[in-house]
N, C-alpha and C. Protein backbone atom coordinates (compact mmCIF):
# COMPACT_ATOMS: atom_id res chain seq x y z
N MET A 1 -64.70 85.48 -120.03
CA MET A 1 -65.06 86.72 -119.57
C MET A 1 -66.41 86.53 -118.76
N ASN A 2 -66.47 87.09 -117.68
CA ASN A 2 -67.68 87.10 -116.79
C ASN A 2 -68.78 88.11 -117.08
N LYS A 3 -69.84 88.06 -116.46
CA LYS A 3 -70.80 88.99 -116.81
C LYS A 3 -70.37 90.37 -116.47
N ALA A 4 -69.81 90.61 -115.39
CA ALA A 4 -69.23 92.07 -115.06
C ALA A 4 -68.31 92.50 -116.07
N GLU A 5 -67.51 91.81 -116.61
CA GLU A 5 -66.42 92.13 -117.50
C GLU A 5 -67.04 92.57 -118.85
N LEU A 6 -68.00 91.66 -119.24
CA LEU A 6 -68.79 91.89 -120.43
C LEU A 6 -69.69 93.23 -120.43
N ALA A 7 -70.35 93.38 -119.31
CA ALA A 7 -71.08 94.54 -118.97
C ALA A 7 -70.17 95.94 -119.17
N GLU A 8 -68.88 95.87 -118.57
CA GLU A 8 -68.06 96.90 -118.60
C GLU A 8 -67.51 97.19 -120.09
N LEU A 9 -67.18 96.09 -120.84
CA LEU A 9 -66.74 96.21 -122.13
C LEU A 9 -67.93 96.82 -123.01
N LEU A 10 -69.09 96.36 -122.88
CA LEU A 10 -70.28 96.92 -123.62
C LEU A 10 -70.41 98.36 -123.23
N ALA A 11 -70.29 98.72 -121.90
CA ALA A 11 -70.48 100.22 -121.60
C ALA A 11 -69.32 101.08 -122.16
N ARG A 12 -68.23 100.45 -122.37
CA ARG A 12 -67.07 101.49 -122.99
C ARG A 12 -67.36 101.64 -124.27
N GLY A 13 -67.97 100.64 -125.10
CA GLY A 13 -68.14 100.82 -126.49
C GLY A 13 -69.39 101.59 -127.05
N HIS A 14 -70.12 101.56 -125.81
CA HIS A 14 -71.70 102.27 -126.27
C HIS A 14 -71.58 103.56 -126.96
N PRO A 15 -70.73 104.60 -126.40
CA PRO A 15 -70.66 105.82 -127.00
C PRO A 15 -70.28 105.74 -128.52
N TYR A 16 -69.37 104.82 -128.87
CA TYR A 16 -68.79 104.92 -130.12
C TYR A 16 -70.01 104.23 -131.07
N GLY A 17 -70.69 103.31 -130.72
CA GLY A 17 -71.72 102.73 -131.38
C GLY A 17 -72.79 103.73 -131.60
N ARG A 18 -73.16 104.35 -130.65
CA ARG A 18 -74.25 105.40 -130.56
C ARG A 18 -74.11 106.50 -131.63
N GLU A 19 -72.79 106.99 -131.68
CA GLU A 19 -72.59 108.17 -132.60
C GLU A 19 -72.02 107.64 -133.99
N GLY A 20 -71.91 106.41 -134.17
CA GLY A 20 -71.71 105.86 -135.65
C GLY A 20 -70.24 106.17 -136.23
N LYS A 21 -69.38 106.70 -135.47
CA LYS A 21 -68.19 107.18 -135.90
C LYS A 21 -67.41 106.27 -136.71
N TYR A 22 -67.47 104.98 -136.39
CA TYR A 22 -66.74 103.87 -137.06
C TYR A 22 -67.59 102.88 -137.95
N HIS A 23 -68.90 103.38 -138.17
CA HIS A 23 -69.91 102.65 -138.96
C HIS A 23 -69.30 102.39 -140.40
N LEU A 24 -68.63 103.47 -141.03
CA LEU A 24 -68.16 103.27 -142.42
C LEU A 24 -67.24 102.01 -142.46
N PHE A 25 -66.62 101.59 -141.46
CA PHE A 25 -65.86 100.25 -141.69
C PHE A 25 -66.47 99.25 -142.01
N LYS A 26 -67.82 99.18 -141.56
CA LYS A 26 -68.88 98.06 -141.87
C LYS A 26 -69.51 98.03 -143.06
N ILE A 27 -69.78 99.36 -143.65
CA ILE A 27 -70.55 99.67 -144.83
C ILE A 27 -69.80 100.25 -146.06
N SER A 28 -68.69 100.63 -145.84
CA SER A 28 -68.00 101.19 -146.99
C SER A 28 -67.13 100.29 -147.83
N VAL A 29 -67.02 100.53 -149.10
CA VAL A 29 -66.13 99.76 -149.82
C VAL A 29 -64.66 100.15 -149.65
N ALA A 30 -64.41 101.46 -149.06
CA ALA A 30 -63.05 101.87 -148.86
C ALA A 30 -62.23 100.90 -148.10
N PHE A 31 -62.95 100.00 -147.08
CA PHE A 31 -62.24 99.05 -146.27
C PHE A 31 -62.33 97.62 -146.74
N ASP A 32 -63.01 97.50 -147.94
CA ASP A 32 -63.29 96.12 -148.49
C ASP A 32 -62.36 95.66 -149.39
N SER A 33 -61.36 94.73 -149.07
CA SER A 33 -60.28 94.37 -149.77
C SER A 33 -60.69 93.62 -151.10
N ILE A 34 -61.82 92.90 -150.86
CA ILE A 34 -62.32 92.04 -152.10
C ILE A 34 -62.83 93.06 -153.16
N ALA A 35 -63.42 94.25 -152.75
CA ALA A 35 -63.94 95.10 -153.58
C ALA A 35 -62.73 95.80 -154.48
N LYS A 36 -61.66 96.03 -153.86
CA LYS A 36 -60.47 96.51 -154.57
C LYS A 36 -59.68 95.45 -155.13
N ASN A 37 -59.92 94.19 -154.79
CA ASN A 37 -59.14 93.09 -155.55
C ASN A 37 -60.07 91.99 -156.07
N SER A 38 -60.96 92.37 -156.94
CA SER A 38 -62.04 91.47 -157.47
C SER A 38 -61.42 90.03 -157.78
N GLN A 39 -60.20 90.09 -158.23
CA GLN A 39 -59.60 88.69 -158.74
C GLN A 39 -59.53 87.67 -157.60
N TRP A 40 -59.73 88.22 -156.25
CA TRP A 40 -59.64 87.19 -155.17
C TRP A 40 -60.96 86.47 -155.07
N ARG A 41 -61.90 86.93 -155.72
CA ARG A 41 -63.29 86.21 -155.69
C ARG A 41 -63.15 84.85 -156.50
N GLY A 42 -62.46 84.95 -157.51
CA GLY A 42 -62.29 83.89 -158.33
C GLY A 42 -63.42 83.82 -159.24
N ASN A 43 -63.62 82.64 -159.96
CA ASN A 43 -64.71 82.56 -161.01
C ASN A 43 -65.93 81.90 -160.54
N ASP A 44 -66.01 81.67 -159.24
CA ASP A 44 -67.16 81.01 -158.57
C ASP A 44 -68.41 81.92 -158.34
N VAL A 45 -69.04 82.57 -159.31
CA VAL A 45 -69.84 83.58 -159.08
C VAL A 45 -71.20 82.97 -158.74
N LYS A 46 -71.65 81.73 -159.20
CA LYS A 46 -72.80 81.24 -158.91
C LYS A 46 -73.01 80.93 -157.45
N SER A 47 -72.07 80.43 -156.84
CA SER A 47 -72.04 80.15 -155.32
C SER A 47 -72.14 81.52 -154.54
N LEU A 48 -71.50 82.53 -155.00
CA LEU A 48 -71.81 83.77 -154.33
C LEU A 48 -73.14 84.29 -154.36
N ALA A 49 -73.62 84.13 -155.59
CA ALA A 49 -75.03 84.56 -155.95
C ALA A 49 -76.12 83.78 -154.92
N LYS A 50 -75.76 82.54 -154.69
CA LYS A 50 -76.61 81.82 -153.75
C LYS A 50 -76.47 82.38 -152.31
N MET A 51 -75.41 82.80 -151.91
CA MET A 51 -74.97 83.31 -150.49
C MET A 51 -75.56 84.74 -150.30
N ALA A 52 -75.51 85.47 -151.40
CA ALA A 52 -75.95 86.98 -151.31
C ALA A 52 -76.94 87.20 -152.59
N PRO A 53 -78.16 86.87 -152.68
CA PRO A 53 -78.94 86.93 -153.88
C PRO A 53 -79.22 88.40 -154.01
N VAL A 54 -79.13 88.75 -155.39
CA VAL A 54 -79.54 90.26 -155.80
C VAL A 54 -81.16 90.41 -155.58
N MET A 55 -81.42 91.60 -154.92
CA MET A 55 -82.88 91.94 -154.67
C MET A 55 -83.33 92.42 -156.07
N LYS A 56 -84.56 92.06 -156.38
CA LYS A 56 -85.27 92.56 -157.71
C LYS A 56 -86.23 93.45 -157.46
């Protein structure tokens, strides 16, 4: 993808990003398969905690 194509792609997506219409896809558990199927995580909770530590 050259610079002109990239600029055109970003320009097309800008209105959608600005209004936040699809932001829930990134932040909502409604689209999070792991949240709905917690058994997929397995039992390796310690390594998950290292990747995403809980804020105190």
